[in-house]
Protein backbone atom coordinates (compact mmCIF):
# COMPACT_ATOMS: atom_id res chain seq x y z
CA MET A 1 13.97 8.36 46.07
CA ILE A 2 14.58 4.76 44.90
CA GLU A 3 12.49 5.46 41.78
CA ASN A 4 14.74 8.43 40.93
CA LEU A 5 17.83 6.40 41.55
CA CYS A 6 16.50 3.56 39.32
CA ARG A 7 15.68 6.02 36.56
CA VAL A 8 19.16 7.57 36.67
CA ALA A 9 20.88 4.26 36.88
CA LEU A 10 18.82 2.89 33.95
CA ARG A 11 19.73 5.93 31.84
CA VAL A 12 23.38 5.67 32.72
CA VAL A 13 23.50 1.94 32.12
CA SER A 14 21.47 2.02 28.86
CA SER A 15 23.50 5.01 27.44
CA GLY A 16 26.76 3.64 28.64
CA MET A 17 26.27 0.04 27.70
CA SER A 18 27.20 0.43 24.09
CA ALA A 19 30.19 2.51 25.13
CA VAL A 20 31.32 -0.25 27.47
CA LEU A 21 30.91 -2.89 24.80
CA LEU A 22 32.92 -0.83 22.35
CA MET A 23 35.61 -0.26 24.95
CA ALA A 24 35.74 -3.94 25.65
CA LYS A 25 36.09 -4.75 22.01
CA SER A 26 38.75 -2.15 21.56
CA THR A 27 40.65 -3.35 24.59
CA LEU A 28 40.47 -6.94 23.44
CA GLU A 29 41.79 -6.00 20.01
CA GLN A 30 44.63 -4.09 21.58
CA ILE A 31 45.54 -6.90 23.98
CA ALA A 32 45.23 -9.78 21.50
CA PRO A 33 48.32 -8.82 19.40
CA ALA A 34 50.37 -8.28 22.61
CA VAL A 35 49.88 -11.86 23.76
CA PRO A 36 52.42 -14.19 22.12
CA SER A 37 50.91 -17.12 20.25
CA ASP A 38 53.25 -19.61 21.89
CA GLY A 39 51.94 -18.71 25.34
CA ALA A 40 55.36 -17.44 26.51
CA GLY A 41 55.50 -14.06 28.08
CA SER A 42 54.95 -12.24 31.35
CA GLY A 43 51.37 -13.59 31.75
CA GLY A 44 50.00 -10.12 32.47
CA GLY A 45 48.11 -9.91 29.17
CA ALA A 46 46.16 -13.10 29.69
CA GLY A 47 44.20 -11.72 32.66
CA SER A 48 43.16 -8.45 31.03
CA PRO A 49 40.53 -9.86 28.72
CA ALA A 50 39.02 -11.77 31.62
CA ILE A 51 38.80 -8.52 33.69
CA VAL A 52 37.13 -6.71 30.76
CA MET A 53 34.67 -9.48 30.26
CA TYR A 54 33.96 -9.62 34.01
CA GLY A 55 33.27 -5.84 33.85
CA VAL A 56 30.86 -6.30 30.95
CA VAL A 57 29.01 -9.11 32.82
CA VAL A 58 28.72 -6.95 35.91
CA ALA A 59 27.41 -4.00 33.91
CA LEU A 60 24.82 -6.28 32.24
CA ALA A 61 23.71 -7.67 35.58
CA ALA A 62 23.39 -4.18 37.00
CA ALA A 63 21.27 -3.10 34.02
CA ALA A 64 19.04 -6.16 34.52
CA ILE A 65 18.56 -5.35 38.18
CA VAL A 66 17.78 -1.71 37.51
CA ALA A 67 15.33 -2.68 34.81
CA LYS A 68 13.55 -5.08 37.18
CA LEU A 69 13.35 -2.41 39.85
CA VAL A 70 11.81 0.10 37.47
CA ASP A 71 9.36 -2.47 36.21
CA LEU A 72 8.42 -3.27 39.88
CA ARG A 73 7.96 0.47 40.63
CA ARG A 74 5.67 0.85 37.58
CA GLU A 75 3.61 -2.10 38.70
CA ARG A 76 3.26 -0.68 42.23
CA ASP A 77 2.19 2.71 40.75
CA ARG A 78 -0.41 0.95 38.61
CA GLN A 79 -1.78 -0.83 41.68
CA ALA A 80 -1.89 2.41 43.64
CA ALA A 81 -3.79 4.11 40.83
CA GLY A 82 -6.29 1.23 40.88
CA LEU A 83 -6.80 1.51 44.57
CA GLN A 84 -7.18 5.30 44.31
CA ALA A 85 -9.82 4.84 41.63
CA ALA A 86 -11.68 2.27 43.70
CA ILE A 87 -11.70 4.63 46.71
CA SER A 88 -12.84 7.54 44.59
CA ASN A 89 -15.68 5.44 43.08
CA ALA A 90 -16.82 4.35 46.47
CA LEU A 91 -16.80 7.85 47.86
CA PHE A 92 -18.68 9.10 44.81
CA SER A 93 -21.35 6.40 44.85
CA GLU A 94 -21.94 6.21 48.57
CA ALA A 95 -21.59 9.86 49.52
CA THR A 96 -23.45 11.50 46.60
CA GLY A 97 -25.40 14.51 47.84
CA LEU A 98 -23.85 14.56 51.29
CA GLY A 99 -21.39 17.38 50.51
CA ILE A 100 -18.22 15.34 50.98
CA ARG A 101 -15.27 16.80 49.14
CA ILE A 102 -12.62 14.27 49.90
CA THR A 103 -9.61 13.08 47.93
CA ALA A 104 -7.54 9.95 48.60
CA THR A 105 -4.02 9.31 47.47
CA ALA A 106 -2.64 5.75 47.73
CA ARG A 107 1.04 4.92 47.86
CA LEU A 108 2.31 1.39 47.60
CA PRO A 109 5.86 0.68 48.70
CA LEU A 110 8.28 -1.10 46.44
CA TRP A 111 8.36 -4.21 48.59
CA SER A 112 5.03 -6.15 48.52
CA GLY A 113 4.94 -7.00 52.27
CA SER A 114 5.08 -3.37 53.41
CA THR A 115 2.20 -1.25 54.59
CA ILE A 116 0.07 0.60 52.02
CA THR A 117 -0.44 4.32 52.88
CA VAL A 118 -3.62 6.14 51.93
CA ASP A 119 -3.69 9.94 52.51
CA VAL A 120 -7.17 11.23 52.88
CA GLY A 121 -7.78 14.99 52.74
CA GLY A 122 -10.53 17.48 52.09
CA GLN A 123 -13.41 19.15 53.82
CA VAL A 124 -16.75 18.02 55.25
CA SER A 125 -19.45 19.98 56.93
CA THR A 126 -20.00 17.75 60.09
CA PRO A 127 -17.99 15.34 62.20
CA ARG A 128 -20.51 12.59 61.22
CA LEU A 129 -19.76 13.07 57.51
CA ARG A 130 -16.06 12.85 58.34
CA GLU A 131 -16.59 9.51 60.03
CA VAL A 132 -18.71 8.31 57.07
CA ALA A 133 -15.99 9.25 54.58
CA LEU A 134 -13.22 7.57 56.61
CA ARG A 135 -15.34 4.45 56.96
CA ILE A 136 -15.82 4.33 53.21
CA VAL A 137 -12.12 4.80 52.62
CA SER A 138 -11.15 2.24 55.21
CA GLY A 139 -13.65 -0.34 53.83
CA GLU A 140 -12.44 0.08 50.29
CA ALA A 141 -8.75 -0.03 51.28
CA SER A 142 -9.17 -3.16 53.36
CA ARG A 143 -10.34 -5.08 50.27
CA THR A 144 -6.67 -5.17 49.19
CA GLY A 145 -6.05 -7.79 51.87
CA ARG A 146 -2.87 -5.96 52.97
CA VAL A 147 -2.14 -3.79 55.93
CA VAL A 148 -3.26 -0.22 55.22
CA LYS A 149 -2.41 2.93 57.08
CA ILE A 150 -4.83 5.82 56.64
CA ASN A 151 -3.48 9.29 57.17
CA ASP A 152 -6.50 11.33 58.15
CA GLN A 153 -6.29 14.99 57.03
CA VAL A 154 -9.96 15.61 56.67
CA GLN A 155 -11.11 18.95 58.05
CA VAL A 156 -14.57 19.69 59.48
CA VAL A 157 -15.66 23.11 58.16
CA GLU A 158 -19.00 23.93 59.80
CA GLY A 159 -21.31 26.43 58.31
CA GLU A 160 -21.08 25.37 54.69
């Protein structure tokens, strides 16, 4: 959900940034002639450029924050893909010929201190092979050095 919000916010900010800057320039051009050169007047025009500039600064800060969040999400997705590949390689190399048809999907949260989730699913022919597969996944996932939660959805289908 955060990833979708970040994408939408980045699109809105990036497409709207030039419009905001053009509006700020237009507003400043309209306000500048209205302010008397001798400084006399109601004083209402002097605050308007500051408000516009404040809005531009806030919009730029929001764009920077959204860009950082999108970058962080991409980095976490890259790390999750690496963990998935490592688990798949370990399953392939250690369980070759055993008839284990297992897939693992890793999900890393946006915040680095949170728990990594690995969903393990598929079918095996015996309960012993199920335990072997889960041990392989657990061993590979523990190499990350972070807390890992394994969601076991492996089914034992006997007679295959």
